[in-house]
Amino acid sequence: MLDPNALVSVVIPNYNYEAFVGAAIDSALALDWPRVQVVVVDDGSTDGSREVIARYGDRVEAVLQPNAGQLAACNAGFERARGEVVFLLDSDDVLSPGIVRALAPLWRPGVSKVQFQMRSVDAQGRPLGGVFPQYPAATPTPEEITRWSLTTSAYPTPPGSGNAYAHAFLAKIFPQDDSNGKIADSGPLAAAPFLGDVLTIPEPLVSYRVHGKNDGAMSEVDGPKFAREVSRTQARFAYAQRVARGAGLEMKDSALNRSLSYLPYRLASLRLAPALHPIARDAGWKVLADVVRGAMSPQGVSGKGRLTLVVWSTLVALLPTRAARTLILWRFAPGARPKALRTALVRLRVIR
């Protein structure tokens, strides 16, 4: 159990999110916990972000640095974080007031992180109806998450804002370098199952703002972006292998091509940007074979979700490019989906 007097740190890296950073800070200051440290790192914003941050005075610890990227901003923030529990909160996301109270009864030595669900909201903070990730009916155990990660390189996890990390865990991997890519949450999410226990609370206690400028947002089908995501995932996988090896665990090279979260990106990259696709001599039939193998490999995806993903992948691989593009858009660009189809896919856990 988390000591009632324990300090909780919220690190908020920010770059040009003047419209949202105030709401993120407000949510950190409103946490229902007696001791909260809020560190805001502005990474060389050129909008009015610094004026917004300045309004909070000494209620936050502000770090103003030249633009160096999200990874450097998180490194600078963690360097100042003193809490036993650390949130790395994106400046366009929002924490629920009761999130620390929810994790406190579960907290114990050896935990690397506690993960939650996130609710999708629009730019104005209005709910969009989506909640992700969709965890299995039985909340996954730490042992299952470690096993799934080793065999498929995947486990159901929210992005960075949806996690409460143990300072002791983050201290093992910070400061991060860019060998794992430039996205700050990649390292903690990849390393957590191998350097401690991952605990899950299947409640939407963080709001994920969808506003079209998110790093992972796709308002249209962009082949090069899928190719970049494949390369990013390969870098994260290599990092995860190194961490697992350092912990005395074996993660085979084949694990990446069992990941049902990675394979749709690989297939989309192959179909939409074959000239940029980063995997030499890849082919649709190879991806489909891997999807089938992945569907038979436990990784926290429901049976209906696995079946639907096999069908989706088959259609994307075999249909003409125009039809495949439409199916890819439905999966990756929420705003472009008919509402009824989007609802059905969410319920089947094919999308989030």
Protein backbone atom coordinates (compact mmCIF):
# COMPACT_ATOMS: atom_id res chain seq x y z
CA MET A 1 0.00 0.00 0.00
CA LEU A 2 1.26 3.49 -0.81
CA ASP A 3 2.20 5.39 2.33
CA PRO A 4 -0.36 8.19 2.89
CA ASN A 5 2.53 10.65 3.21
CA ALA A 6 4.32 9.52 0.05
CA LEU A 7 5.16 12.18 -2.49
CA VAL A 8 3.65 11.84 -5.97
CA SER A 9 5.38 13.60 -8.88
CA VAL A 10 3.69 14.66 -12.11
CA VAL A 11 6.12 15.53 -14.90
CA ILE A 12 4.53 17.45 -17.79
CA PRO A 13 6.68 17.94 -20.92
CA ASN A 14 5.23 20.63 -23.18
CA TYR A 15 5.86 21.98 -26.65
CA ASN A 16 3.50 24.48 -28.28
CA TYR A 17 0.37 23.24 -26.51
CA GLU A 18 -0.72 26.62 -25.18
CA ALA A 19 -4.36 25.59 -25.60
CA PHE A 20 -4.02 22.45 -23.47
CA VAL A 21 -1.13 22.69 -21.02
CA GLY A 22 -3.17 24.64 -18.46
CA ALA A 23 -5.74 21.84 -18.22
CA ALA A 24 -2.96 19.27 -17.73
CA ILE A 25 -1.43 21.35 -14.92
CA ASP A 26 -4.84 21.92 -13.33
CA SER A 27 -5.49 18.17 -13.28
CA ALA A 28 -2.14 17.51 -11.59
CA LEU A 29 -2.77 20.17 -8.95
CA ALA A 30 -6.28 18.79 -8.35
CA LEU A 31 -5.14 15.26 -7.49
CA ASP A 32 -6.78 13.96 -4.34
CA TRP A 33 -3.49 13.33 -2.54
CA PRO A 34 -1.80 15.34 0.21
CA ARG A 35 1.67 15.64 -1.35
CA VAL A 36 2.01 16.30 -5.08
CA GLN A 37 4.99 17.75 -6.94
CA VAL A 38 4.25 19.19 -10.39
CA VAL A 39 7.20 19.65 -12.76
CA VAL A 40 6.45 21.36 -16.09
CA VAL A 41 9.18 21.30 -18.73
CA ASP A 42 8.64 23.68 -21.61
CA ASP A 43 10.72 22.51 -24.54
CA GLY A 44 11.29 25.77 -26.38
CA SER A 45 7.67 26.60 -27.19
CA THR A 46 7.10 29.45 -29.62
CA ASP A 47 3.43 30.01 -28.76
CA GLY A 48 2.04 31.34 -25.48
CA SER A 49 2.78 28.20 -23.44
CA ARG A 50 5.33 29.88 -21.18
CA GLU A 51 2.90 32.64 -20.28
CA VAL A 52 0.34 29.99 -19.29
CA ILE A 53 2.91 28.14 -17.17
CA ALA A 54 4.05 31.35 -15.48
CA ARG A 55 0.53 31.98 -14.15
CA TYR A 56 0.93 29.04 -11.76
CA GLY A 57 3.84 30.66 -9.94
CA ASP A 58 5.45 28.50 -7.29
CA ARG A 59 2.66 25.91 -7.38
CA VAL A 60 4.69 24.21 -10.11
CA GLU A 61 8.39 23.73 -10.75
CA ALA A 62 8.92 25.21 -14.21
CA VAL A 63 11.86 24.19 -16.37
CA LEU A 64 12.33 26.35 -19.46
CA GLN A 65 14.75 24.88 -21.97
CA PRO A 66 15.62 25.34 -25.66
CA ASN A 67 13.85 22.96 -28.00
CA ALA A 68 15.50 19.55 -27.73
CA GLY A 69 12.58 17.15 -28.19
CA GLN A 70 10.17 15.24 -25.97
CA LEU A 71 12.79 12.75 -24.85
CA ALA A 72 15.09 15.48 -23.52
CA ALA A 73 12.14 17.23 -21.87
CA CYS A 74 11.18 14.06 -20.00
CA ASN A 75 14.79 13.49 -18.97
CA ALA A 76 14.92 17.02 -17.54
CA GLY A 77 11.62 16.53 -15.74
CA PHE A 78 12.50 13.18 -14.23
CA GLU A 79 15.80 14.59 -12.99
CA ARG A 80 13.73 16.85 -10.72
CA ALA A 81 11.06 14.31 -9.76
CA ARG A 82 11.32 13.27 -6.12
CA GLY A 83 8.11 11.28 -5.74
CA GLU A 84 7.85 7.57 -5.09
CA VAL A 85 5.17 7.52 -7.81
CA VAL A 86 5.78 9.39 -11.08
CA PHE A 87 3.34 10.30 -13.83
CA LEU A 88 4.75 11.35 -17.21
CA LEU A 89 1.72 13.36 -18.32
CA ASP A 90 1.51 14.61 -21.89
CA SER A 91 0.54 18.27 -21.86
CA ASP A 92 -2.63 17.61 -23.86
CA ASP A 93 -3.90 14.87 -21.51
CA VAL A 94 -5.70 15.12 -18.16
CA LEU A 95 -5.58 13.04 -14.95
CA SER A 96 -8.70 12.23 -12.93
CA PRO A 97 -8.57 13.52 -9.34
CA GLY A 98 -8.93 10.05 -7.80
CA ILE A 99 -6.23 8.26 -9.76
CA VAL A 100 -3.68 8.11 -6.90
CA ARG A 101 -6.34 6.94 -4.44
CA ALA A 102 -7.18 4.14 -6.89
CA LEU A 103 -3.60 2.86 -7.13
CA ALA A 104 -2.65 3.36 -3.47
CA PRO A 105 -4.09 0.03 -2.15
CA LEU A 106 -2.17 -1.94 -4.82
CA TRP A 107 1.17 -0.19 -4.51
CA ARG A 108 4.05 -2.29 -3.22
CA PRO A 109 7.80 -2.75 -3.63
CA GLY A 110 8.68 -4.40 -6.95
CA VAL A 111 5.96 -2.69 -8.96
CA SER A 112 7.27 -1.04 -12.14
CA LYS A 113 4.00 0.62 -13.06
CA VAL A 114 0.26 0.69 -12.52
CA GLN A 115 -1.66 1.12 -15.77
CA PHE A 116 -5.17 2.41 -16.32
CA GLN A 117 -7.63 2.88 -19.14
CA MET A 118 -7.92 6.19 -20.96
CA ARG A 119 -11.07 7.88 -22.24
CA SER A 120 -10.94 9.72 -25.55
CA VAL A 121 -12.00 13.36 -25.45
CA ASP A 122 -12.02 16.06 -28.12
CA ALA A 123 -10.06 19.30 -28.17
CA GLN A 124 -12.61 20.88 -25.82
CA GLY A 125 -12.49 17.95 -23.39
CA ARG A 126 -15.83 16.45 -24.43
CA PRO A 127 -16.02 12.63 -24.30
CA LEU A 128 -15.85 10.89 -27.67
CA GLY A 129 -17.12 7.57 -26.30
CA GLY A 130 -13.93 5.56 -26.68
CA VAL A 131 -12.11 3.85 -23.82
CA PHE A 132 -8.80 2.06 -24.31
CA PRO A 133 -7.02 -0.23 -23.99
CA GLN A 134 -9.60 -2.98 -23.82
CA TYR A 135 -8.23 -5.37 -21.24
CA PRO A 136 -9.25 -9.05 -21.17
CA ALA A 137 -12.33 -9.99 -19.14
CA ALA A 138 -9.98 -11.19 -16.41
CA THR A 139 -7.56 -8.42 -15.46
CA PRO A 140 -4.11 -9.54 -16.64
CA THR A 141 -1.64 -10.56 -13.97
CA PRO A 142 1.97 -9.30 -13.91
CA GLU A 143 3.13 -12.81 -14.84
CA GLU A 144 0.88 -12.87 -17.92
CA ILE A 145 2.06 -9.45 -19.03
CA THR A 146 5.71 -10.51 -18.76
CA ARG A 147 5.03 -13.75 -20.65
CA TRP A 148 3.07 -11.99 -23.41
CA SER A 149 5.83 -9.41 -23.76
CA LEU A 150 8.50 -12.08 -24.13
CA THR A 151 6.60 -14.16 -26.69
CA THR A 152 4.86 -11.45 -28.74
CA SER A 153 6.54 -8.18 -27.70
CA ALA A 154 3.01 -6.93 -26.93
CA TYR A 155 0.68 -6.48 -24.01
CA PRO A 156 -2.40 -4.28 -23.55
CA THR A 157 -1.10 -0.93 -22.35
CA PRO A 158 -2.15 2.70 -22.60
CA PRO A 159 0.25 5.37 -23.88
CA GLY A 160 2.51 7.15 -21.40
CA SER A 161 -0.08 9.35 -19.65
CA GLY A 162 -2.11 6.30 -18.64
CA ASN A 163 0.60 4.92 -16.35
CA ALA A 164 1.87 5.59 -12.84
CA TYR A 165 5.53 4.59 -12.66
CA ALA A 166 7.67 3.68 -9.67
CA HIS A 167 10.52 6.13 -9.31
CA ALA A 168 12.81 3.18 -8.54
CA PHE A 169 11.90 1.61 -11.89
CA LEU A 170 12.37 4.79 -13.95
CA ALA A 171 15.73 5.40 -12.27
CA LYS A 172 16.98 2.20 -13.95
CA ILE A 173 16.31 3.50 -17.47
CA PHE A 174 16.63 7.30 -17.15
CA PRO A 175 18.07 9.38 -18.60
CA GLN A 176 16.95 7.88 -21.89
CA ASP A 177 18.88 8.17 -25.12
CA ASP A 178 17.45 8.08 -28.63
CA SER A 179 18.50 4.49 -29.39
CA ASN A 180 14.89 3.63 -28.61
CA GLY A 181 13.54 6.42 -30.82
CA LYS A 182 12.52 9.93 -29.87
CA ILE A 183 9.15 9.15 -28.22
CA ALA A 184 9.53 9.42 -24.46
CA ASP A 185 7.02 6.75 -23.41
CA SER A 186 8.53 4.00 -25.60
CA GLY A 187 11.26 3.03 -23.14
CA PRO A 188 9.17 2.84 -19.96
CA LEU A 189 6.39 0.89 -21.67
CA ALA A 190 8.82 -1.60 -23.22
CA ALA A 191 10.94 -2.09 -20.10
CA ALA A 192 8.23 -2.24 -17.42
CA PRO A 193 7.32 -5.96 -17.80
CA PHE A 194 10.97 -7.00 -17.40
CA LEU A 195 12.08 -4.76 -14.54
CA GLY A 196 9.12 -5.15 -12.19
CA ASP A 197 5.45 -6.02 -11.94
CA VAL A 198 2.87 -4.31 -14.14
CA LEU A 199 -0.44 -3.92 -12.30
CA THR A 200 -3.68 -3.09 -14.10
CA ILE A 201 -6.69 -1.05 -12.98
CA PRO A 202 -9.39 -1.37 -15.68
CA GLU A 203 -10.92 2.05 -15.07
CA PRO A 204 -10.72 5.14 -17.33
CA LEU A 205 -8.90 7.53 -15.01
CA VAL A 206 -7.01 9.54 -17.64
CA SER A 207 -8.40 11.57 -20.54
CA TYR A 208 -6.63 11.29 -23.90
CA ARG A 209 -7.25 14.36 -25.99
CA VAL A 210 -7.80 13.78 -29.72
CA HIS A 211 -7.20 17.05 -31.55
CA GLY A 212 -5.56 16.09 -34.84
CA LYS A 213 -2.01 17.06 -33.86
CA ASN A 214 -1.29 14.08 -31.61
CA ASP A 215 1.83 12.18 -32.57
CA GLY A 216 -0.20 9.05 -33.21
CA ALA A 217 -3.19 10.76 -34.81
CA MET A 218 -4.04 10.07 -38.44
CA SER A 219 -6.69 12.21 -40.07
CA GLU A 220 -5.84 10.66 -43.43
CA VAL A 221 -4.02 7.60 -44.70
CA ASP A 222 -0.35 8.58 -44.77
CA GLY A 223 1.86 5.79 -46.14
CA PRO A 224 5.17 7.33 -45.03
CA LYS A 225 3.84 7.69 -41.48
CA PHE A 226 3.12 3.97 -41.36
CA ALA A 227 6.64 3.27 -42.60
CA ARG A 228 8.06 5.50 -39.85
CA GLU A 229 5.95 3.70 -37.26
CA VAL A 230 7.32 0.35 -38.40
CA SER A 231 10.87 1.66 -37.95
CA ARG A 232 9.99 3.08 -34.54
CA THR A 233 8.53 -0.23 -33.43
CA GLN A 234 11.63 -2.08 -34.58
CA ALA A 235 13.77 0.27 -32.47
CA ARG A 236 11.50 -0.24 -29.44
CA PHE A 237 11.70 -3.99 -29.91
CA ALA A 238 15.50 -3.97 -30.03
CA TYR A 239 15.51 -1.91 -26.84
CA ALA A 240 13.07 -4.32 -25.15
CA GLN A 241 15.29 -7.24 -26.11
CA ARG A 242 18.30 -5.54 -24.51
CA VAL A 243 16.38 -4.84 -21.30
CA ALA A 244 15.01 -8.38 -21.14
CA ARG A 245 18.46 -9.83 -21.73
CA GLY A 246 19.86 -7.68 -18.94
CA ALA A 247 17.17 -9.08 -16.64
CA GLY A 248 18.14 -12.64 -17.55
CA LEU A 249 15.12 -13.23 -19.82
CA GLU A 250 15.01 -14.44 -23.43
CA MET A 251 13.02 -12.51 -26.04
CA LYS A 252 13.37 -14.17 -29.44
CA ASP A 253 13.62 -12.20 -32.68
CA SER A 254 10.38 -13.82 -33.85
CA ALA A 255 8.40 -12.16 -31.03
CA LEU A 256 7.94 -8.88 -32.90
CA ASN A 257 6.14 -10.60 -35.77
CA ARG A 258 3.59 -12.06 -33.35
CA SER A 259 2.50 -8.63 -32.13
CA LEU A 260 -1.09 -7.86 -33.13
CA SER A 261 -0.52 -4.18 -32.38
CA TYR A 262 2.50 -3.99 -34.74
CA LEU A 263 1.37 -6.13 -37.66
CA PRO A 264 -1.43 -3.80 -38.88
CA TYR A 265 1.15 -0.99 -39.18
CA ARG A 266 3.50 -3.30 -41.07
CA LEU A 267 0.72 -4.29 -43.47
CA ALA A 268 -0.44 -0.70 -43.99
CA SER A 269 3.13 0.41 -44.66
CA LEU A 270 3.61 -2.37 -47.20
CA ARG A 271 0.38 -1.61 -49.06
CA LEU A 272 0.52 2.18 -49.04
CA ALA A 273 4.25 2.99 -49.18
CA PRO A 274 6.05 -0.06 -50.64
CA ALA A 275 9.00 2.04 -51.80
CA LEU A 276 9.52 3.34 -48.23
CA HIS A 277 8.66 0.12 -46.42
CA PRO A 278 11.63 -0.61 -44.11
CA ILE A 279 11.48 -4.42 -44.35
CA ALA A 280 13.34 -5.84 -47.33
CA ARG A 281 11.58 -8.54 -49.38
CA ASP A 282 8.42 -8.27 -47.29
CA ALA A 283 5.18 -9.48 -48.86
CA GLY A 284 1.48 -9.52 -48.06
CA TRP A 285 1.40 -13.28 -47.67
CA LYS A 286 4.25 -13.07 -45.14
CA VAL A 287 2.32 -10.52 -43.06
CA LEU A 288 -0.84 -12.64 -43.22
CA ALA A 289 1.07 -15.71 -42.04
CA ASP A 290 2.42 -13.69 -39.13
CA VAL A 291 -1.06 -12.35 -38.31
CA VAL A 292 -2.41 -15.91 -38.13
CA ARG A 293 0.49 -16.97 -35.88
CA GLY A 294 -0.03 -13.85 -33.77
CA ALA A 295 -3.74 -14.60 -33.45
CA MET A 296 -2.82 -17.94 -31.92
CA SER A 297 -0.40 -16.33 -29.47
CA PRO A 298 -1.92 -14.99 -26.22
CA GLN A 299 -1.28 -11.26 -25.78
CA GLY A 300 -4.38 -9.89 -24.11
CA VAL A 301 -6.59 -9.61 -27.22
CA SER A 302 -10.06 -11.16 -27.15
CA GLY A 303 -11.00 -14.04 -29.43
CA LYS A 304 -13.36 -11.82 -31.41
CA GLY A 305 -10.67 -9.19 -31.73
CA ARG A 306 -8.17 -11.72 -33.05
CA LEU A 307 -10.64 -13.14 -35.57
CA THR A 308 -11.65 -9.71 -36.80
CA LEU A 309 -8.02 -8.68 -37.17
CA VAL A 310 -7.34 -11.78 -39.30
CA VAL A 311 -10.28 -10.88 -41.55
CA TRP A 312 -9.24 -7.21 -41.75
CA SER A 313 -5.66 -8.15 -42.60
CA THR A 314 -6.76 -10.60 -45.27
CA LEU A 315 -8.91 -7.98 -46.95
CA VAL A 316 -6.23 -5.29 -46.75
CA ALA A 317 -3.64 -7.67 -48.22
CA LEU A 318 -5.80 -8.93 -51.09
CA LEU A 319 -8.13 -6.10 -52.11
CA PRO A 320 -7.20 -3.43 -54.66
CA THR A 321 -5.27 -0.50 -53.23
CA ARG A 322 -8.25 1.87 -53.14
CA ALA A 323 -10.37 -0.57 -51.10
CA ALA A 324 -7.41 -1.43 -48.87
CA ARG A 325 -6.83 2.27 -48.26
CA THR A 326 -10.44 2.63 -47.10
CA LEU A 327 -10.10 -0.24 -44.63
CA ILE A 328 -6.84 1.17 -43.31
CA LEU A 329 -8.49 4.57 -42.86
CA TRP A 330 -11.32 2.97 -40.89
CA ARG A 331 -8.85 1.35 -38.53
CA PHE A 332 -6.39 4.17 -37.98
CA ALA A 333 -8.34 7.41 -38.54
CA PRO A 334 -11.24 7.50 -36.06
CA GLY A 335 -12.76 10.68 -37.47
CA ALA A 336 -13.15 9.10 -40.89
CA ARG A 337 -15.17 6.07 -39.76
CA PRO A 338 -18.93 5.79 -39.95
CA LYS A 339 -20.14 5.85 -36.35
CA ALA A 340 -21.81 2.44 -36.44
CA LEU A 341 -18.72 0.74 -37.86
CA ARG A 342 -16.47 2.50 -35.37
CA THR A 343 -18.65 1.34 -32.46
CA ALA A 344 -18.61 -2.25 -33.72
CA LEU A 345 -14.84 -2.29 -34.11
CA VAL A 346 -14.32 -0.85 -30.62
CA ARG A 347 -16.54 -3.52 -29.12
CA LEU A 348 -14.57 -6.20 -30.93
CA ARG A 349 -11.36 -4.68 -29.56
CA VAL A 350 -9.96 -4.26 -33.07
CA ILE A 351 -9.52 -0.50 -32.60
CA ARG A 352 -9.52 1.83 -29.65
